mmCIF file of all heavy atoms, coordinates in Angstrom:
data_MODEL
# 
_entry.id   MODEL 
# 
loop_
_atom_site.group_PDB 
_atom_site.id 
_atom_site.type_symbol 
_atom_site.label_atom_id 
_atom_site.label_alt_id 
_atom_site.label_comp_id 
_atom_site.label_asym_id 
_atom_site.label_entity_id 
_atom_site.label_seq_id 
_atom_site.pdbx_PDB_ins_code 
_atom_site.Cartn_x 
_atom_site.Cartn_y 
_atom_site.Cartn_z 
_atom_site.occupancy 
_atom_site.B_iso_or_equiv 
_atom_site.pdbx_formal_charge 
_atom_site.auth_seq_id 
_atom_site.auth_comp_id 
_atom_site.auth_asym_id 
_atom_site.auth_atom_id 
_atom_site.pdbx_PDB_model_num 
ATOM 1   N N   . TRP A 1 1  ? -73.763 17.621 52.581 1.00 0.00 ? 1  TRP A N   1 
ATOM 2   C CA  . TRP A 1 1  ? -74.397 18.779 51.953 1.00 0.00 ? 1  TRP A CA  1 
ATOM 3   C C   . TRP A 1 1  ? -74.134 20.039 52.779 1.00 0.00 ? 1  TRP A C   1 
ATOM 4   O O   . TRP A 1 1  ? -73.850 21.103 52.227 1.00 0.00 ? 1  TRP A O   1 
ATOM 5   C CB  . TRP A 1 1  ? -75.883 18.504 51.821 1.00 0.00 ? 1  TRP A CB  1 
ATOM 6   C CG  . TRP A 1 1  ? -76.657 19.536 51.093 1.00 0.00 ? 1  TRP A CG  1 
ATOM 7   C CD1 . TRP A 1 1  ? -77.584 20.365 51.610 1.00 0.00 ? 1  TRP A CD1 1 
ATOM 8   C CD2 . TRP A 1 1  ? -76.558 19.870 49.703 1.00 0.00 ? 1  TRP A CD2 1 
ATOM 9   N NE1 . TRP A 1 1  ? -78.081 21.188 50.645 1.00 0.00 ? 1  TRP A NE1 1 
ATOM 10  C CE2 . TRP A 1 1  ? -77.467 20.903 49.461 1.00 0.00 ? 1  TRP A CE2 1 
ATOM 11  C CE3 . TRP A 1 1  ? -75.795 19.392 48.657 1.00 0.00 ? 1  TRP A CE3 1 
ATOM 12  C CZ2 . TRP A 1 1  ? -77.627 21.467 48.211 1.00 0.00 ? 1  TRP A CZ2 1 
ATOM 13  C CZ3 . TRP A 1 1  ? -75.961 19.958 47.407 1.00 0.00 ? 1  TRP A CZ3 1 
ATOM 14  C CH2 . TRP A 1 1  ? -76.862 20.977 47.195 1.00 0.00 ? 1  TRP A CH2 1 
ATOM 15  N N   . ASN A 1 2  ? -74.211 19.932 54.093 1.00 0.00 ? 2  ASN A N   1 
ATOM 16  C CA  . ASN A 1 2  ? -73.957 21.068 54.974 1.00 0.00 ? 2  ASN A CA  1 
ATOM 17  C C   . ASN A 1 2  ? -72.518 21.558 54.834 1.00 0.00 ? 2  ASN A C   1 
ATOM 18  O O   . ASN A 1 2  ? -72.264 22.762 54.719 1.00 0.00 ? 2  ASN A O   1 
ATOM 19  C CB  . ASN A 1 2  ? -74.247 20.664 56.420 1.00 0.00 ? 2  ASN A CB  1 
ATOM 20  C CG  . ASN A 1 2  ? -74.152 21.825 57.375 1.00 0.00 ? 2  ASN A CG  1 
ATOM 21  O OD1 . ASN A 1 2  ? -74.216 22.984 56.971 1.00 0.00 ? 2  ASN A OD1 1 
ATOM 22  N ND2 . ASN A 1 2  ? -73.987 21.523 58.634 1.00 0.00 ? 2  ASN A ND2 1 
ATOM 23  N N   . ARG A 1 3  ? -71.565 20.643 54.824 1.00 0.00 ? 3  ARG A N   1 
ATOM 24  C CA  . ARG A 1 3  ? -70.155 21.017 54.694 1.00 0.00 ? 3  ARG A CA  1 
ATOM 25  C C   . ARG A 1 3  ? -69.896 21.676 53.339 1.00 0.00 ? 3  ARG A C   1 
ATOM 26  O O   . ARG A 1 3  ? -69.177 22.674 53.243 1.00 0.00 ? 3  ARG A O   1 
ATOM 27  C CB  . ARG A 1 3  ? -69.280 19.781 54.878 1.00 0.00 ? 3  ARG A CB  1 
ATOM 28  C CG  . ARG A 1 3  ? -67.818 20.069 54.895 1.00 0.00 ? 3  ARG A CG  1 
ATOM 29  C CD  . ARG A 1 3  ? -66.972 18.862 55.275 1.00 0.00 ? 3  ARG A CD  1 
ATOM 30  N NE  . ARG A 1 3  ? -67.354 17.622 54.600 1.00 0.00 ? 3  ARG A NE  1 
ATOM 31  C CZ  . ARG A 1 3  ? -67.964 16.590 55.197 1.00 0.00 ? 3  ARG A CZ  1 
ATOM 32  N NH1 . ARG A 1 3  ? -68.287 16.649 56.470 1.00 0.00 ? 3  ARG A NH1 1 
ATOM 33  N NH2 . ARG A 1 3  ? -68.265 15.503 54.516 1.00 0.00 ? 3  ARG A NH2 1 
ATOM 34  N N   . THR A 1 4  ? -70.510 21.149 52.283 1.00 0.00 ? 4  THR A N   1 
ATOM 35  C CA  . THR A 1 4  ? -70.323 21.720 50.948 1.00 0.00 ? 4  THR A CA  1 
ATOM 36  C C   . THR A 1 4  ? -70.882 23.139 50.867 1.00 0.00 ? 4  THR A C   1 
ATOM 37  O O   . THR A 1 4  ? -70.257 24.027 50.286 1.00 0.00 ? 4  THR A O   1 
ATOM 38  C CB  . THR A 1 4  ? -71.000 20.825 49.904 1.00 0.00 ? 4  THR A CB  1 
ATOM 39  O OG1 . THR A 1 4  ? -70.488 19.502 50.015 1.00 0.00 ? 4  THR A OG1 1 
ATOM 40  C CG2 . THR A 1 4  ? -70.771 21.332 48.501 1.00 0.00 ? 4  THR A CG2 1 
ATOM 41  N N   . LEU A 1 5  ? -72.050 23.354 51.450 1.00 0.00 ? 5  LEU A N   1 
ATOM 42  C CA  . LEU A 1 5  ? -72.641 24.698 51.411 1.00 0.00 ? 5  LEU A CA  1 
ATOM 43  C C   . LEU A 1 5  ? -71.821 25.704 52.210 1.00 0.00 ? 5  LEU A C   1 
ATOM 44  O O   . LEU A 1 5  ? -71.661 26.858 51.788 1.00 0.00 ? 5  LEU A O   1 
ATOM 45  C CB  . LEU A 1 5  ? -74.074 24.648 51.931 1.00 0.00 ? 5  LEU A CB  1 
ATOM 46  C CG  . LEU A 1 5  ? -75.083 23.987 51.000 1.00 0.00 ? 5  LEU A CG  1 
ATOM 47  C CD1 . LEU A 1 5  ? -76.450 23.936 51.660 1.00 0.00 ? 5  LEU A CD1 1 
ATOM 48  C CD2 . LEU A 1 5  ? -75.161 24.699 49.675 1.00 0.00 ? 5  LEU A CD2 1 
ATOM 49  N N   . TRP A 1 6  ? -71.280 25.289 53.360 1.00 0.00 ? 6  TRP A N   1 
ATOM 50  C CA  . TRP A 1 6  ? -70.451 26.203 54.139 1.00 0.00 ? 6  TRP A CA  1 
ATOM 51  C C   . TRP A 1 6  ? -69.149 26.521 53.416 1.00 0.00 ? 6  TRP A C   1 
ATOM 52  O O   . TRP A 1 6  ? -68.628 27.632 53.524 1.00 0.00 ? 6  TRP A O   1 
ATOM 53  C CB  . TRP A 1 6  ? -70.172 25.637 55.523 1.00 0.00 ? 6  TRP A CB  1 
ATOM 54  C CG  . TRP A 1 6  ? -71.274 25.946 56.486 1.00 0.00 ? 6  TRP A CG  1 
ATOM 55  C CD1 . TRP A 1 6  ? -72.155 25.070 57.016 1.00 0.00 ? 6  TRP A CD1 1 
ATOM 56  C CD2 . TRP A 1 6  ? -71.624 27.232 56.996 1.00 0.00 ? 6  TRP A CD2 1 
ATOM 57  N NE1 . TRP A 1 6  ? -73.038 25.726 57.832 1.00 0.00 ? 6  TRP A NE1 1 
ATOM 58  C CE2 . TRP A 1 6  ? -72.735 27.056 57.846 1.00 0.00 ? 6  TRP A CE2 1 
ATOM 59  C CE3 . TRP A 1 6  ? -71.116 28.507 56.829 1.00 0.00 ? 6  TRP A CE3 1 
ATOM 60  C CZ2 . TRP A 1 6  ? -73.336 28.109 58.515 1.00 0.00 ? 6  TRP A CZ2 1 
ATOM 61  C CZ3 . TRP A 1 6  ? -71.714 29.553 57.497 1.00 0.00 ? 6  TRP A CZ3 1 
ATOM 62  C CH2 . TRP A 1 6  ? -72.802 29.352 58.331 1.00 0.00 ? 6  TRP A CH2 1 
ATOM 63  N N   . GLN A 1 7  ? -68.611 25.567 52.679 1.00 0.00 ? 7  GLN A N   1 
ATOM 64  C CA  . GLN A 1 7  ? -67.390 25.834 51.924 1.00 0.00 ? 7  GLN A CA  1 
ATOM 65  C C   . GLN A 1 7  ? -67.670 26.757 50.743 1.00 0.00 ? 7  GLN A C   1 
ATOM 66  O O   . GLN A 1 7  ? -66.792 27.504 50.314 1.00 0.00 ? 7  GLN A O   1 
ATOM 67  C CB  . GLN A 1 7  ? -66.781 24.519 51.422 1.00 0.00 ? 7  GLN A CB  1 
ATOM 68  C CG  . GLN A 1 7  ? -66.177 23.689 52.526 1.00 0.00 ? 7  GLN A CG  1 
ATOM 69  C CD  . GLN A 1 7  ? -65.715 22.330 52.045 1.00 0.00 ? 7  GLN A CD  1 
ATOM 70  O OE1 . GLN A 1 7  ? -65.986 21.928 50.925 1.00 0.00 ? 7  GLN A OE1 1 
ATOM 71  N NE2 . GLN A 1 7  ? -65.019 21.618 52.913 1.00 0.00 ? 7  GLN A NE2 1 
ATOM 72  N N   . ALA A 1 8  ? -68.888 26.733 50.230 1.00 0.00 ? 8  ALA A N   1 
ATOM 73  C CA  . ALA A 1 8  ? -69.240 27.589 49.100 1.00 0.00 ? 8  ALA A CA  1 
ATOM 74  C C   . ALA A 1 8  ? -69.647 28.991 49.545 1.00 0.00 ? 8  ALA A C   1 
ATOM 75  O O   . ALA A 1 8  ? -69.737 29.890 48.710 1.00 0.00 ? 8  ALA A O   1 
ATOM 76  C CB  . ALA A 1 8  ? -70.371 26.958 48.295 1.00 0.00 ? 8  ALA A CB  1 
ATOM 77  N N   . ALA A 1 9  ? -69.887 29.183 50.824 1.00 0.00 ? 9  ALA A N   1 
ATOM 78  C CA  . ALA A 1 9  ? -70.363 30.479 51.301 1.00 0.00 ? 9  ALA A CA  1 
ATOM 79  C C   . ALA A 1 9  ? -69.305 31.573 51.140 1.00 0.00 ? 9  ALA A C   1 
ATOM 80  O O   . ALA A 1 9  ? -69.622 32.688 50.733 1.00 0.00 ? 9  ALA A O   1 
ATOM 81  C CB  . ALA A 1 9  ? -70.787 30.375 52.761 1.00 0.00 ? 9  ALA A CB  1 
ATOM 82  N N   . ALA A 1 10 ? -68.051 31.272 51.446 1.00 0.00 ? 10 ALA A N   1 
ATOM 83  C CA  . ALA A 1 10 ? -66.992 32.286 51.358 1.00 0.00 ? 10 ALA A CA  1 
ATOM 84  C C   . ALA A 1 10 ? -66.789 32.784 49.915 1.00 0.00 ? 10 ALA A C   1 
ATOM 85  O O   . ALA A 1 10 ? -66.727 34.005 49.701 1.00 0.00 ? 10 ALA A O   1 
ATOM 86  C CB  . ALA A 1 10 ? -65.691 31.744 51.932 1.00 0.00 ? 10 ALA A CB  1 
ATOM 87  N N   . PRO A 1 11 ? -66.696 31.911 48.904 1.00 0.00 ? 11 PRO A N   1 
ATOM 88  C CA  . PRO A 1 11 ? -66.570 32.436 47.543 1.00 0.00 ? 11 PRO A CA  1 
ATOM 89  C C   . PRO A 1 11 ? -67.795 33.234 47.105 1.00 0.00 ? 11 PRO A C   1 
ATOM 90  O O   . PRO A 1 11 ? -67.653 34.237 46.380 1.00 0.00 ? 11 PRO A O   1 
ATOM 91  C CB  . PRO A 1 11 ? -66.405 31.188 46.670 1.00 0.00 ? 11 PRO A CB  1 
ATOM 92  C CG  . PRO A 1 11 ? -65.925 30.129 47.587 1.00 0.00 ? 11 PRO A CG  1 
ATOM 93  C CD  . PRO A 1 11 ? -66.490 30.464 48.923 1.00 0.00 ? 11 PRO A CD  1 
ATOM 94  N N   . CYS A 1 12 ? -68.982 32.846 47.551 1.00 0.00 ? 12 CYS A N   1 
ATOM 95  C CA  . CYS A 1 12 ? -70.180 33.598 47.182 1.00 0.00 ? 12 CYS A CA  1 
ATOM 96  C C   . CYS A 1 12 ? -70.167 34.994 47.789 1.00 0.00 ? 12 CYS A C   1 
ATOM 97  O O   . CYS A 1 12 ? -70.541 35.965 47.133 1.00 0.00 ? 12 CYS A O   1 
ATOM 98  C CB  . CYS A 1 12 ? -71.435 32.836 47.615 1.00 0.00 ? 12 CYS A CB  1 
ATOM 99  S SG  . CYS A 1 12 ? -71.737 31.354 46.660 1.00 0.00 ? 12 CYS A SG  1 
ATOM 100 N N   . VAL A 1 13 ? -69.740 35.103 49.031 1.00 0.00 ? 13 VAL A N   1 
ATOM 101 C CA  . VAL A 1 13 ? -69.648 36.419 49.681 1.00 0.00 ? 13 VAL A CA  1 
ATOM 102 C C   . VAL A 1 13 ? -68.584 37.265 48.980 1.00 0.00 ? 13 VAL A C   1 
ATOM 103 O O   . VAL A 1 13 ? -68.778 38.468 48.770 1.00 0.00 ? 13 VAL A O   1 
ATOM 104 C CB  . VAL A 1 13 ? -69.344 36.257 51.186 1.00 0.00 ? 13 VAL A CB  1 
ATOM 105 C CG1 . VAL A 1 13 ? -68.963 37.574 51.817 1.00 0.00 ? 13 VAL A CG1 1 
ATOM 106 C CG2 . VAL A 1 13 ? -70.538 35.653 51.889 1.00 0.00 ? 13 VAL A CG2 1 
ATOM 107 N N   . ALA A 1 14 ? -67.475 36.652 48.595 1.00 0.00 ? 14 ALA A N   1 
ATOM 108 C CA  . ALA A 1 14 ? -66.419 37.393 47.897 1.00 0.00 ? 14 ALA A CA  1 
ATOM 109 C C   . ALA A 1 14 ? -66.922 37.915 46.551 1.00 0.00 ? 14 ALA A C   1 
ATOM 110 O O   . ALA A 1 14 ? -66.668 39.079 46.193 1.00 0.00 ? 14 ALA A O   1 
ATOM 111 C CB  . ALA A 1 14 ? -65.194 36.508 47.704 1.00 0.00 ? 14 ALA A CB  1 
ATOM 112 N N   . VAL A 1 15 ? -67.642 37.095 45.813 1.00 0.00 ? 15 VAL A N   1 
ATOM 113 C CA  . VAL A 1 15 ? -68.191 37.533 44.520 1.00 0.00 ? 15 VAL A CA  1 
ATOM 114 C C   . VAL A 1 15 ? -69.207 38.646 44.736 1.00 0.00 ? 15 VAL A C   1 
ATOM 115 O O   . VAL A 1 15 ? -69.233 39.638 43.985 1.00 0.00 ? 15 VAL A O   1 
ATOM 116 C CB  . VAL A 1 15 ? -68.819 36.338 43.767 1.00 0.00 ? 15 VAL A CB  1 
ATOM 117 C CG1 . VAL A 1 15 ? -69.644 36.793 42.592 1.00 0.00 ? 15 VAL A CG1 1 
ATOM 118 C CG2 . VAL A 1 15 ? -67.729 35.380 43.316 1.00 0.00 ? 15 VAL A CG2 1 
ATOM 119 N N   . MET A 1 16 ? -70.049 38.523 45.759 1.00 0.00 ? 16 MET A N   1 
ATOM 120 C CA  . MET A 1 16 ? -71.040 39.556 46.049 1.00 0.00 ? 16 MET A CA  1 
ATOM 121 C C   . MET A 1 16 ? -70.364 40.890 46.379 1.00 0.00 ? 16 MET A C   1 
ATOM 122 O O   . MET A 1 16 ? -70.776 41.945 45.890 1.00 0.00 ? 16 MET A O   1 
ATOM 123 C CB  . MET A 1 16 ? -71.924 39.119 47.212 1.00 0.00 ? 16 MET A CB  1 
ATOM 124 C CG  . MET A 1 16 ? -72.961 40.156 47.586 1.00 0.00 ? 16 MET A CG  1 
ATOM 125 S SD  . MET A 1 16 ? -73.635 39.963 49.217 1.00 0.00 ? 16 MET A SD  1 
ATOM 126 C CE  . MET A 1 16 ? -72.215 40.174 50.252 1.00 0.00 ? 16 MET A CE  1 
ATOM 127 N N   . LEU A 1 17 ? -69.313 40.845 47.206 1.00 0.00 ? 17 LEU A N   1 
ATOM 128 C CA  . LEU A 1 17 ? -68.616 42.084 47.567 1.00 0.00 ? 17 LEU A CA  1 
ATOM 129 C C   . LEU A 1 17 ? -67.926 42.709 46.363 1.00 0.00 ? 17 LEU A C   1 
ATOM 130 O O   . LEU A 1 17 ? -67.948 43.936 46.195 1.00 0.00 ? 17 LEU A O   1 
ATOM 131 C CB  . LEU A 1 17 ? -67.613 41.808 48.675 1.00 0.00 ? 17 LEU A CB  1 
ATOM 132 C CG  . LEU A 1 17 ? -68.217 41.491 50.049 1.00 0.00 ? 17 LEU A CG  1 
ATOM 133 C CD1 . LEU A 1 17 ? -67.124 41.109 51.025 1.00 0.00 ? 17 LEU A CD1 1 
ATOM 134 C CD2 . LEU A 1 17 ? -69.020 42.668 50.550 1.00 0.00 ? 17 LEU A CD2 1 
ATOM 135 N N   . LEU A 1 18 ? -67.315 41.884 45.523 1.00 0.00 ? 18 LEU A N   1 
ATOM 136 C CA  . LEU A 1 18 ? -66.667 42.418 44.328 1.00 0.00 ? 18 LEU A CA  1 
ATOM 137 C C   . LEU A 1 18 ? -67.671 43.062 43.382 1.00 0.00 ? 18 LEU A C   1 
ATOM 138 O O   . LEU A 1 18 ? -67.443 44.162 42.861 1.00 0.00 ? 18 LEU A O   1 
ATOM 139 C CB  . LEU A 1 18 ? -65.899 41.319 43.603 1.00 0.00 ? 18 LEU A CB  1 
ATOM 140 C CG  . LEU A 1 18 ? -64.590 40.886 44.262 1.00 0.00 ? 18 LEU A CG  1 
ATOM 141 C CD1 . LEU A 1 18 ? -64.019 39.664 43.549 1.00 0.00 ? 18 LEU A CD1 1 
ATOM 142 C CD2 . LEU A 1 18 ? -63.598 42.019 44.228 1.00 0.00 ? 18 LEU A CD2 1 
ATOM 143 N N   . LEU A 1 19 ? -68.792 42.396 43.144 1.00 0.00 ? 19 LEU A N   1 
ATOM 144 C CA  . LEU A 1 19 ? -69.798 42.971 42.254 1.00 0.00 ? 19 LEU A CA  1 
ATOM 145 C C   . LEU A 1 19 ? -70.443 44.213 42.864 1.00 0.00 ? 19 LEU A C   1 
ATOM 146 O O   . LEU A 1 19 ? -70.746 45.177 42.140 1.00 0.00 ? 19 LEU A O   1 
ATOM 147 C CB  . LEU A 1 19 ? -70.864 41.926 41.922 1.00 0.00 ? 19 LEU A CB  1 
ATOM 148 C CG  . LEU A 1 19 ? -70.402 40.788 41.023 1.00 0.00 ? 19 LEU A CG  1 
ATOM 149 C CD1 . LEU A 1 19 ? -71.507 39.762 40.850 1.00 0.00 ? 19 LEU A CD1 1 
ATOM 150 C CD2 . LEU A 1 19 ? -69.946 41.311 39.677 1.00 0.00 ? 19 LEU A CD2 1 
ATOM 151 N N   . GLY A 1 20 ? -70.642 44.208 44.180 1.00 0.00 ? 20 GLY A N   1 
ATOM 152 C CA  . GLY A 1 20 ? -71.188 45.399 44.830 1.00 0.00 ? 20 GLY A CA  1 
ATOM 153 C C   . GLY A 1 20 ? -70.247 46.587 44.724 1.00 0.00 ? 20 GLY A C   1 
ATOM 154 O O   . GLY A 1 20 ? -70.670 47.714 44.464 1.00 0.00 ? 20 GLY A O   1 
ATOM 155 N N   . ALA A 1 21 ? -68.948 46.348 44.931 1.00 0.00 ? 21 ALA A N   1 
ATOM 156 C CA  . ALA A 1 21 ? -67.972 47.435 44.799 1.00 0.00 ? 21 ALA A CA  1 
ATOM 157 C C   . ALA A 1 21 ? -67.880 47.910 43.360 1.00 0.00 ? 21 ALA A C   1 
ATOM 158 O O   . ALA A 1 21 ? -67.745 49.114 43.096 1.00 0.00 ? 21 ALA A O   1 
ATOM 159 C CB  . ALA A 1 21 ? -66.607 46.961 45.288 1.00 0.00 ? 21 ALA A CB  1 
ATOM 160 N N   . TRP A 1 22 ? -67.983 46.982 42.428 1.00 0.00 ? 22 TRP A N   1 
ATOM 161 C CA  . TRP A 1 22 ? -67.901 47.355 41.018 1.00 0.00 ? 22 TRP A CA  1 
ATOM 162 C C   . TRP A 1 22 ? -69.089 48.234 40.628 1.00 0.00 ? 22 TRP A C   1 
ATOM 163 O O   . TRP A 1 22 ? -68.918 49.259 39.964 1.00 0.00 ? 22 TRP A O   1 
ATOM 164 C CB  . TRP A 1 22 ? -67.855 46.103 40.159 1.00 0.00 ? 22 TRP A CB  1 
ATOM 165 C CG  . TRP A 1 22 ? -67.797 46.363 38.681 1.00 0.00 ? 22 TRP A CG  1 
ATOM 166 C CD1 . TRP A 1 22 ? -67.107 47.329 38.034 1.00 0.00 ? 22 TRP A CD1 1 
ATOM 167 C CD2 . TRP A 1 22 ? -68.465 45.624 37.671 1.00 0.00 ? 22 TRP A CD2 1 
ATOM 168 N NE1 . TRP A 1 22 ? -67.289 47.241 36.691 1.00 0.00 ? 22 TRP A NE1 1 
ATOM 169 C CE2 . TRP A 1 22 ? -68.129 46.191 36.438 1.00 0.00 ? 22 TRP A CE2 1 
ATOM 170 C CE3 . TRP A 1 22 ? -69.312 44.533 37.692 1.00 0.00 ? 22 TRP A CE3 1 
ATOM 171 C CZ2 . TRP A 1 22 ? -68.611 45.698 35.231 1.00 0.00 ? 22 TRP A CZ2 1 
ATOM 172 C CZ3 . TRP A 1 22 ? -69.778 44.034 36.495 1.00 0.00 ? 22 TRP A CZ3 1 
ATOM 173 C CH2 . TRP A 1 22 ? -69.433 44.616 35.283 1.00 0.00 ? 22 TRP A CH2 1 
ATOM 174 N N   . THR A 1 23 ? -70.294 47.872 41.060 1.00 0.00 ? 23 THR A N   1 
ATOM 175 C CA  . THR A 1 23 ? -71.453 48.680 40.710 1.00 0.00 ? 23 THR A CA  1 
ATOM 176 C C   . THR A 1 23 ? -71.458 50.013 41.462 1.00 0.00 ? 23 THR A C   1 
ATOM 177 O O   . THR A 1 23 ? -71.985 51.000 40.965 1.00 0.00 ? 23 THR A O   1 
ATOM 178 C CB  . THR A 1 23 ? -72.768 47.930 41.019 1.00 0.00 ? 23 THR A CB  1 
ATOM 179 O OG1 . THR A 1 23 ? -72.775 47.549 42.380 1.00 0.00 ? 23 THR A OG1 1 
ATOM 180 C CG2 . THR A 1 23 ? -72.907 46.712 40.135 1.00 0.00 ? 23 THR A CG2 1 
ATOM 181 N N   . ARG A 1 24 ? -70.866 50.050 42.642 1.00 0.00 ? 24 ARG A N   1 
ATOM 182 C CA  . ARG A 1 24 ? -70.832 51.287 43.418 1.00 0.00 ? 24 ARG A CA  1 
ATOM 183 C C   . ARG A 1 24 ? -69.858 52.302 42.824 1.00 0.00 ? 24 ARG A C   1 
ATOM 184 O O   . ARG A 1 24 ? -70.141 53.483 42.750 1.00 0.00 ? 24 ARG A O   1 
ATOM 185 C CB  . ARG A 1 24 ? -70.443 50.962 44.869 1.00 0.00 ? 24 ARG A CB  1 
ATOM 186 C CG  . ARG A 1 24 ? -70.230 52.144 45.746 1.00 0.00 ? 24 ARG A CG  1 
ATOM 187 C CD  . ARG A 1 24 ? -71.545 52.781 46.112 1.00 0.00 ? 24 ARG A CD  1 
ATOM 188 N NE  . ARG A 1 24 ? -71.327 53.837 47.068 1.00 0.00 ? 24 ARG A NE  1 
ATOM 189 C CZ  . ARG A 1 24 ? -71.797 55.062 46.906 1.00 0.00 ? 24 ARG A CZ  1 
ATOM 190 N NH1 . ARG A 1 24 ? -72.520 55.356 45.859 1.00 0.00 ? 24 ARG A NH1 1 
ATOM 191 N NH2 . ARG A 1 24 ? -71.559 55.974 47.808 1.00 0.00 ? 24 ARG A NH2 1 
ATOM 192 N N   . PHE A 1 25 ? -68.693 51.822 42.414 1.00 0.00 ? 25 PHE A N   1 
ATOM 193 C CA  . PHE A 1 25 ? -67.651 52.737 41.958 1.00 0.00 ? 25 PHE A CA  1 
ATOM 194 C C   . PHE A 1 25 ? -67.547 52.863 40.445 1.00 0.00 ? 25 PHE A C   1 
ATOM 195 O O   . PHE A 1 25 ? -66.731 53.626 39.958 1.00 0.00 ? 25 PHE A O   1 
ATOM 196 C CB  . PHE A 1 25 ? -66.299 52.311 42.532 1.00 0.00 ? 25 PHE A CB  1 
ATOM 197 C CG  . PHE A 1 25 ? -66.273 52.371 44.031 1.00 0.00 ? 25 PHE A CG  1 
ATOM 198 C CD1 . PHE A 1 25 ? -66.096 51.220 44.775 1.00 0.00 ? 25 PHE A CD1 1 
ATOM 199 C CD2 . PHE A 1 25 ? -66.440 53.570 44.703 1.00 0.00 ? 25 PHE A CD2 1 
ATOM 200 C CE1 . PHE A 1 25 ? -66.081 51.263 46.158 1.00 0.00 ? 25 PHE A CE1 1 
ATOM 201 C CE2 . PHE A 1 25 ? -66.424 53.628 46.082 1.00 0.00 ? 25 PHE A CE2 1 
ATOM 202 C CZ  . PHE A 1 25 ? -66.246 52.471 46.818 1.00 0.00 ? 25 PHE A CZ  1 
# 
């Protein structure tokens, strides 16, 4: 479970940054 969550963290951060940039600009 720990390994799966750490592997999912990078795509979640990428989606968050993309949506944040989209709402900002």
